[in-house]
Amino acid sequence: MPDDLIPDVLNDRCPSRMVLNHVTSRWGVLVLIALQDGTMRFSALRRRIGGVSERMLTQSLRLLEEDGLVLRTAHPVVPPHVEYDLTPLGVEVAAKVHALAACIEGNLGQIMAHRAE
């Protein structure tokens, strides 16, 4: 990050926006929440997150790995065995994202009532 740039998600030049987009993307949120349950293989993660395509899950995992939130471990066996887990930073971010999702779920009745109006 440039020395003259103070972290500020409202600043269009701040790299935090890119990370925020990865974390709060449709699938990024769900990957982080699912991985709170522990280490998962790709196929188990895909089954856990209803509706995600293989392509979108792969893309989301790569972005979150590049951001240092997800750890990908490839085991040298045949057939290939790859596992995903949260890094310590990923655990922290996932907890906050999960709190937001829980807030929405807890108020879903009220939200849906407003939408119906």
N, C-alpha and C. Protein backbone atom coordinates (compact mmCIF):
# COMPACT_ATOMS: atom_id res chain seq x y z
N MET A 1 0.86 -1.17 0.00
CA MET A 1 0.00 0.00 0.00
C MET A 1 0.90 1.23 0.00
N PRO A 2 0.59 2.22 -0.84
CA PRO A 2 1.40 3.44 -0.86
C PRO A 2 1.44 4.10 0.51
N ASP A 3 2.59 4.70 0.83
CA ASP A 3 2.79 5.34 2.13
C ASP A 3 1.79 6.45 2.39
N ASP A 4 1.34 7.14 1.33
CA ASP A 4 0.45 8.28 1.52
C ASP A 4 -1.02 7.88 1.61
N LEU A 5 -1.31 6.59 1.53
CA LEU A 5 -2.69 6.13 1.54
C LEU A 5 -3.05 5.55 2.90
N ILE A 6 -3.95 6.21 3.59
CA ILE A 6 -4.43 5.73 4.88
C ILE A 6 -5.60 4.79 4.60
N PRO A 7 -5.63 3.60 5.23
CA PRO A 7 -6.73 2.68 4.98
C PRO A 7 -8.08 3.35 5.22
N ASP A 8 -8.89 3.35 4.17
CA ASP A 8 -10.21 3.99 4.21
C ASP A 8 -11.06 3.37 3.11
N VAL A 9 -11.97 2.50 3.50
CA VAL A 9 -12.79 1.78 2.52
C VAL A 9 -13.65 2.73 1.67
N LEU A 10 -13.88 3.94 2.14
CA LEU A 10 -14.67 4.89 1.36
C LEU A 10 -13.84 5.59 0.29
N ASN A 11 -12.53 5.45 0.36
CA ASN A 11 -11.63 6.03 -0.63
C ASN A 11 -11.53 5.06 -1.80
N ASP A 12 -11.84 5.52 -3.00
CA ASP A 12 -11.86 4.63 -4.16
C ASP A 12 -10.49 4.08 -4.54
N ARG A 13 -9.42 4.62 -4.00
CA ARG A 13 -8.07 4.12 -4.26
C ARG A 13 -7.59 3.14 -3.20
N CYS A 14 -8.34 2.95 -2.16
CA CYS A 14 -7.90 2.11 -1.06
C CYS A 14 -8.04 0.62 -1.42
N PRO A 15 -6.97 -0.16 -1.27
CA PRO A 15 -7.02 -1.60 -1.57
C PRO A 15 -8.01 -2.37 -0.69
N SER A 16 -8.42 -1.78 0.42
CA SER A 16 -9.38 -2.48 1.28
C SER A 16 -10.70 -2.73 0.55
N ARG A 17 -11.01 -1.89 -0.41
CA ARG A 17 -12.25 -2.10 -1.18
C ARG A 17 -12.23 -3.41 -1.94
N MET A 18 -11.09 -3.74 -2.52
CA MET A 18 -10.97 -4.99 -3.26
C MET A 18 -11.18 -6.17 -2.32
N VAL A 19 -10.53 -6.15 -1.17
CA VAL A 19 -10.68 -7.24 -0.21
C VAL A 19 -12.12 -7.31 0.29
N LEU A 20 -12.72 -6.16 0.57
CA LEU A 20 -14.11 -6.12 1.01
C LEU A 20 -15.03 -6.74 -0.05
N ASN A 21 -14.75 -6.47 -1.31
CA ASN A 21 -15.54 -7.08 -2.39
C ASN A 21 -15.40 -8.59 -2.39
N HIS A 22 -14.21 -9.10 -2.14
CA HIS A 22 -14.01 -10.54 -2.10
C HIS A 22 -14.75 -11.17 -0.92
N VAL A 23 -14.63 -10.53 0.23
CA VAL A 23 -15.24 -11.05 1.45
C VAL A 23 -16.77 -10.99 1.39
N THR A 24 -17.30 -9.89 0.87
CA THR A 24 -18.76 -9.70 0.88
C THR A 24 -19.43 -10.10 -0.42
N SER A 25 -18.69 -10.72 -1.32
CA SER A 25 -19.33 -11.22 -2.54
C SER A 25 -20.32 -12.30 -2.14
N ARG A 26 -21.23 -12.58 -3.04
CA ARG A 26 -22.26 -13.59 -2.77
C ARG A 26 -21.66 -14.89 -2.24
N TRP A 27 -20.62 -15.37 -2.91
CA TRP A 27 -20.05 -16.66 -2.52
C TRP A 27 -18.96 -16.52 -1.48
N GLY A 28 -18.26 -15.40 -1.44
CA GLY A 28 -17.22 -15.19 -0.45
C GLY A 28 -17.75 -15.28 0.96
N VAL A 29 -18.87 -14.64 1.21
CA VAL A 29 -19.52 -14.69 2.53
C VAL A 29 -19.82 -16.13 2.91
N LEU A 30 -20.40 -16.87 1.99
CA LEU A 30 -20.82 -18.23 2.29
C LEU A 30 -19.63 -19.17 2.47
N VAL A 31 -18.55 -18.96 1.71
CA VAL A 31 -17.34 -19.76 1.90
C VAL A 31 -16.79 -19.53 3.30
N LEU A 32 -16.69 -18.28 3.71
CA LEU A 32 -16.16 -17.97 5.04
C LEU A 32 -17.02 -18.59 6.14
N ILE A 33 -18.32 -18.48 6.00
CA ILE A 33 -19.22 -19.05 7.02
C ILE A 33 -19.10 -20.57 7.04
N ALA A 34 -19.08 -21.21 5.88
CA ALA A 34 -18.99 -22.67 5.82
C ALA A 34 -17.69 -23.18 6.42
N LEU A 35 -16.60 -22.47 6.17
CA LEU A 35 -15.30 -22.92 6.69
C LEU A 35 -15.15 -22.70 8.19
N GLN A 36 -16.09 -22.01 8.81
CA GLN A 36 -16.06 -21.90 10.27
C GLN A 36 -16.27 -23.26 10.92
N ASP A 37 -16.88 -24.19 10.19
CA ASP A 37 -17.10 -25.54 10.71
C ASP A 37 -15.82 -26.37 10.71
N GLY A 38 -14.76 -25.87 10.08
CA GLY A 38 -13.49 -26.59 10.04
C GLY A 38 -13.03 -26.88 8.63
N THR A 39 -11.95 -27.60 8.53
CA THR A 39 -11.33 -27.94 7.25
C THR A 39 -12.31 -28.73 6.39
N MET A 40 -12.35 -28.35 5.11
CA MET A 40 -13.25 -29.04 4.18
C MET A 40 -12.56 -29.26 2.84
N ARG A 41 -12.90 -30.36 2.22
CA ARG A 41 -12.47 -30.61 0.84
C ARG A 41 -13.40 -29.83 -0.08
N PHE A 42 -12.94 -29.61 -1.31
CA PHE A 42 -13.69 -28.83 -2.28
C PHE A 42 -15.11 -29.37 -2.46
N SER A 43 -15.23 -30.68 -2.66
CA SER A 43 -16.55 -31.28 -2.92
C SER A 43 -17.49 -31.11 -1.73
N ALA A 44 -16.96 -31.25 -0.52
CA ALA A 44 -17.79 -31.06 0.68
C ALA A 44 -18.21 -29.61 0.82
N LEU A 45 -17.32 -28.71 0.51
CA LEU A 45 -17.64 -27.28 0.57
C LEU A 45 -18.71 -26.93 -0.45
N ARG A 46 -18.59 -27.50 -1.64
CA ARG A 46 -19.59 -27.24 -2.68
C ARG A 46 -20.96 -27.78 -2.27
N ARG A 47 -20.99 -28.95 -1.66
CA ARG A 47 -22.27 -29.50 -1.18
C ARG A 47 -22.84 -28.64 -0.05
N ARG A 48 -21.98 -28.12 0.80
CA ARG A 48 -22.41 -27.32 1.96
C ARG A 48 -23.03 -25.99 1.53
N ILE A 49 -22.51 -25.40 0.43
CA ILE A 49 -22.98 -24.11 -0.05
C ILE A 49 -23.92 -24.35 -1.22
N GLY A 50 -25.20 -24.40 -0.93
CA GLY A 50 -26.19 -24.67 -1.95
C GLY A 50 -26.17 -23.65 -3.08
N GLY A 51 -26.20 -24.17 -4.32
CA GLY A 51 -26.33 -23.31 -5.49
C GLY A 51 -25.04 -22.79 -6.09
N VAL A 52 -23.90 -23.01 -5.47
CA VAL A 52 -22.64 -22.49 -6.00
C VAL A 52 -22.13 -23.42 -7.10
N SER A 53 -21.69 -22.84 -8.20
CA SER A 53 -21.11 -23.64 -9.28
C SER A 53 -19.65 -23.93 -8.94
N GLU A 54 -19.10 -24.94 -9.60
CA GLU A 54 -17.69 -25.28 -9.39
C GLU A 54 -16.81 -24.08 -9.75
N ARG A 55 -17.13 -23.42 -10.83
CA ARG A 55 -16.35 -22.27 -11.29
C ARG A 55 -16.35 -21.13 -10.28
N MET A 56 -17.53 -20.79 -9.76
CA MET A 56 -17.63 -19.67 -8.81
C MET A 56 -16.98 -20.01 -7.48
N LEU A 57 -17.10 -21.27 -7.05
CA LEU A 57 -16.46 -21.67 -5.80
C LEU A 57 -14.94 -21.60 -5.95
N THR A 58 -14.43 -22.09 -7.07
CA THR A 58 -12.99 -22.03 -7.32
C THR A 58 -12.50 -20.60 -7.32
N GLN A 59 -13.23 -19.74 -8.01
CA GLN A 59 -12.85 -18.32 -8.09
C GLN A 59 -12.86 -17.67 -6.70
N SER A 60 -13.90 -17.91 -5.94
CA SER A 60 -14.01 -17.32 -4.60
C SER A 60 -12.90 -17.82 -3.69
N LEU A 61 -12.63 -19.11 -3.73
CA LEU A 61 -11.56 -19.67 -2.91
C LEU A 61 -10.20 -19.07 -3.27
N ARG A 62 -9.93 -18.91 -4.56
CA ARG A 62 -8.66 -18.33 -4.99
C ARG A 62 -8.49 -16.90 -4.49
N LEU A 63 -9.56 -16.10 -4.63
CA LEU A 63 -9.48 -14.70 -4.18
C LEU A 63 -9.27 -14.62 -2.67
N LEU A 64 -10.00 -15.43 -1.92
CA LEU A 64 -9.87 -15.41 -0.46
C LEU A 64 -8.49 -15.95 -0.03
N GLU A 65 -7.95 -16.89 -0.80
CA GLU A 65 -6.60 -17.39 -0.52
C GLU A 65 -5.57 -16.29 -0.80
N GLU A 66 -5.72 -15.58 -1.92
CA GLU A 66 -4.81 -14.48 -2.24
C GLU A 66 -4.84 -13.39 -1.18
N ASP A 67 -6.00 -13.18 -0.56
CA ASP A 67 -6.15 -12.17 0.48
C ASP A 67 -5.66 -12.66 1.84
N GLY A 68 -5.28 -13.92 1.93
CA GLY A 68 -4.75 -14.45 3.19
C GLY A 68 -5.82 -14.88 4.17
N LEU A 69 -7.04 -15.12 3.69
CA LEU A 69 -8.14 -15.50 4.57
C LEU A 69 -8.39 -17.01 4.56
N VAL A 70 -8.03 -17.66 3.46
CA VAL A 70 -8.25 -19.10 3.30
C VAL A 70 -6.91 -19.76 3.00
N LEU A 71 -6.69 -20.91 3.60
CA LEU A 71 -5.49 -21.70 3.39
C LEU A 71 -5.87 -22.92 2.55
N ARG A 72 -5.16 -23.11 1.45
CA ARG A 72 -5.37 -24.27 0.57
C ARG A 72 -4.20 -25.22 0.79
N THR A 73 -4.53 -26.47 1.13
CA THR A 73 -3.51 -27.48 1.35
C THR A 73 -3.72 -28.61 0.36
N ALA A 74 -2.74 -28.82 -0.52
CA ALA A 74 -2.79 -29.91 -1.50
C ALA A 74 -1.93 -31.05 -1.00
N HIS A 75 -2.54 -32.21 -0.86
CA HIS A 75 -1.82 -33.40 -0.40
C HIS A 75 -1.33 -34.18 -1.62
N PRO A 76 -0.08 -34.60 -1.61
CA PRO A 76 0.50 -35.29 -2.78
C PRO A 76 0.07 -36.76 -2.86
N VAL A 77 -1.18 -36.97 -3.19
CA VAL A 77 -1.71 -38.33 -3.32
C VAL A 77 -2.48 -38.42 -4.63
N VAL A 78 -2.80 -39.65 -5.03
CA VAL A 78 -3.60 -39.88 -6.23
C VAL A 78 -4.85 -40.60 -5.78
N PRO A 79 -6.04 -40.09 -6.09
CA PRO A 79 -6.30 -38.83 -6.78
C PRO A 79 -5.96 -37.63 -5.89
N PRO A 80 -5.83 -36.45 -6.49
CA PRO A 80 -5.47 -35.26 -5.72
C PRO A 80 -6.43 -35.02 -4.55
N HIS A 81 -5.88 -34.59 -3.46
CA HIS A 81 -6.66 -34.34 -2.24
C HIS A 81 -6.31 -32.92 -1.78
N VAL A 82 -7.28 -32.02 -1.90
CA VAL A 82 -7.07 -30.61 -1.54
C VAL A 82 -8.06 -30.25 -0.44
N GLU A 83 -7.55 -29.56 0.57
CA GLU A 83 -8.39 -29.13 1.69
C GLU A 83 -8.30 -27.61 1.83
N TYR A 84 -9.37 -27.05 2.35
CA TYR A 84 -9.44 -25.61 2.59
C TYR A 84 -9.77 -25.37 4.05
N ASP A 85 -9.16 -24.33 4.59
CA ASP A 85 -9.39 -23.96 5.98
C ASP A 85 -9.21 -22.46 6.10
N LEU A 86 -9.69 -21.90 7.19
CA LEU A 86 -9.51 -20.48 7.45
C LEU A 86 -8.14 -20.24 8.09
N THR A 87 -7.50 -19.16 7.71
CA THR A 87 -6.28 -18.72 8.39
C THR A 87 -6.72 -18.02 9.67
N PRO A 88 -5.81 -17.67 10.56
CA PRO A 88 -6.21 -16.91 11.75
C PRO A 88 -6.94 -15.61 11.39
N LEU A 89 -6.47 -14.90 10.37
CA LEU A 89 -7.18 -13.70 9.93
C LEU A 89 -8.54 -14.06 9.36
N GLY A 90 -8.61 -15.17 8.63
CA GLY A 90 -9.88 -15.64 8.08
C GLY A 90 -10.89 -15.96 9.16
N VAL A 91 -10.43 -16.52 10.28
CA VAL A 91 -11.31 -16.82 11.41
C VAL A 91 -11.93 -15.53 11.94
N GLU A 92 -11.11 -14.50 12.07
CA GLU A 92 -11.60 -13.21 12.57
C GLU A 92 -12.62 -12.60 11.61
N VAL A 93 -12.30 -12.59 10.34
CA VAL A 93 -13.20 -12.00 9.34
C VAL A 93 -14.49 -12.82 9.23
N ALA A 94 -14.36 -14.15 9.23
CA ALA A 94 -15.53 -15.02 9.14
C ALA A 94 -16.50 -14.79 10.29
N ALA A 95 -15.98 -14.56 11.48
CA ALA A 95 -16.84 -14.32 12.65
C ALA A 95 -17.66 -13.06 12.46
N LYS A 96 -17.05 -12.04 11.90
CA LYS A 96 -17.77 -10.78 11.68
C LYS A 96 -18.80 -10.92 10.58
N VAL A 97 -18.45 -11.62 9.51
CA VAL A 97 -19.39 -11.85 8.41
C VAL A 97 -20.55 -12.70 8.90
N HIS A 98 -20.24 -13.70 9.72
CA HIS A 98 -21.29 -14.57 10.27
C HIS A 98 -22.24 -13.79 11.17
N ALA A 99 -21.70 -12.84 11.93
CA ALA A 99 -22.54 -12.01 12.79
C ALA A 99 -23.52 -11.19 11.95
N LEU A 100 -23.05 -10.67 10.83
CA LEU A 100 -23.93 -9.92 9.92
C LEU A 100 -25.02 -10.83 9.37
N ALA A 101 -24.63 -12.03 8.92
CA ALA A 101 -25.61 -12.98 8.39
C ALA A 101 -26.63 -13.38 9.47
N ALA A 102 -26.16 -13.58 10.70
CA ALA A 102 -27.06 -13.94 11.80
C ALA A 102 -28.04 -12.82 12.10
N CYS A 103 -27.58 -11.58 12.01
CA CYS A 103 -28.45 -10.42 12.22
C CYS A 103 -29.56 -10.41 11.16
N ILE A 104 -29.19 -10.65 9.93
CA ILE A 104 -30.17 -10.67 8.85
C ILE A 104 -31.15 -11.83 9.05
N GLU A 105 -30.64 -13.00 9.37
CA GLU A 105 -31.51 -14.16 9.59
C GLU A 105 -32.45 -13.91 10.78
N GLY A 106 -31.93 -13.30 11.83
CA GLY A 106 -32.74 -13.03 13.01
C GLY A 106 -33.85 -12.01 12.78
N ASN A 107 -33.67 -11.18 11.79
CA ASN A 107 -34.66 -10.15 11.48
C ASN A 107 -35.36 -10.40 10.14
N LEU A 108 -35.27 -11.62 9.64
CA LEU A 108 -35.79 -11.93 8.32
C LEU A 108 -37.29 -11.69 8.20
N GLY A 109 -38.04 -12.02 9.24
CA GLY A 109 -39.48 -11.77 9.21
C GLY A 109 -39.80 -10.30 9.00
N GLN A 110 -39.12 -9.46 9.73
CA GLN A 110 -39.32 -8.01 9.62
C GLN A 110 -38.87 -7.52 8.24
N ILE A 111 -37.76 -8.02 7.76
CA ILE A 111 -37.24 -7.61 6.45
C ILE A 111 -38.22 -8.00 5.36
N MET A 112 -38.71 -9.23 5.43
CA MET A 112 -39.64 -9.69 4.40
C MET A 112 -40.97 -8.93 4.46
N ALA A 113 -41.39 -8.54 5.65
CA ALA A 113 -42.62 -7.73 5.79
C ALA A 113 -42.45 -6.39 5.12
N HIS A 114 -41.29 -5.77 5.28
CA HIS A 114 -41.01 -4.49 4.63
C HIS A 114 -40.97 -4.64 3.12
N ARG A 115 -40.43 -5.74 2.65
CA ARG A 115 -40.37 -5.97 1.21
C ARG A 115 -41.75 -6.15 0.62
N ALA A 116 -42.65 -6.72 1.40
CA ALA A 116 -44.02 -7.00 0.91
C ALA A 116 -44.85 -5.72 0.81
N GLU A 117 -44.43 -4.69 1.53
CA GLU A 117 -45.20 -3.43 1.52
C GLU A 117 -45.09 -2.70 0.20
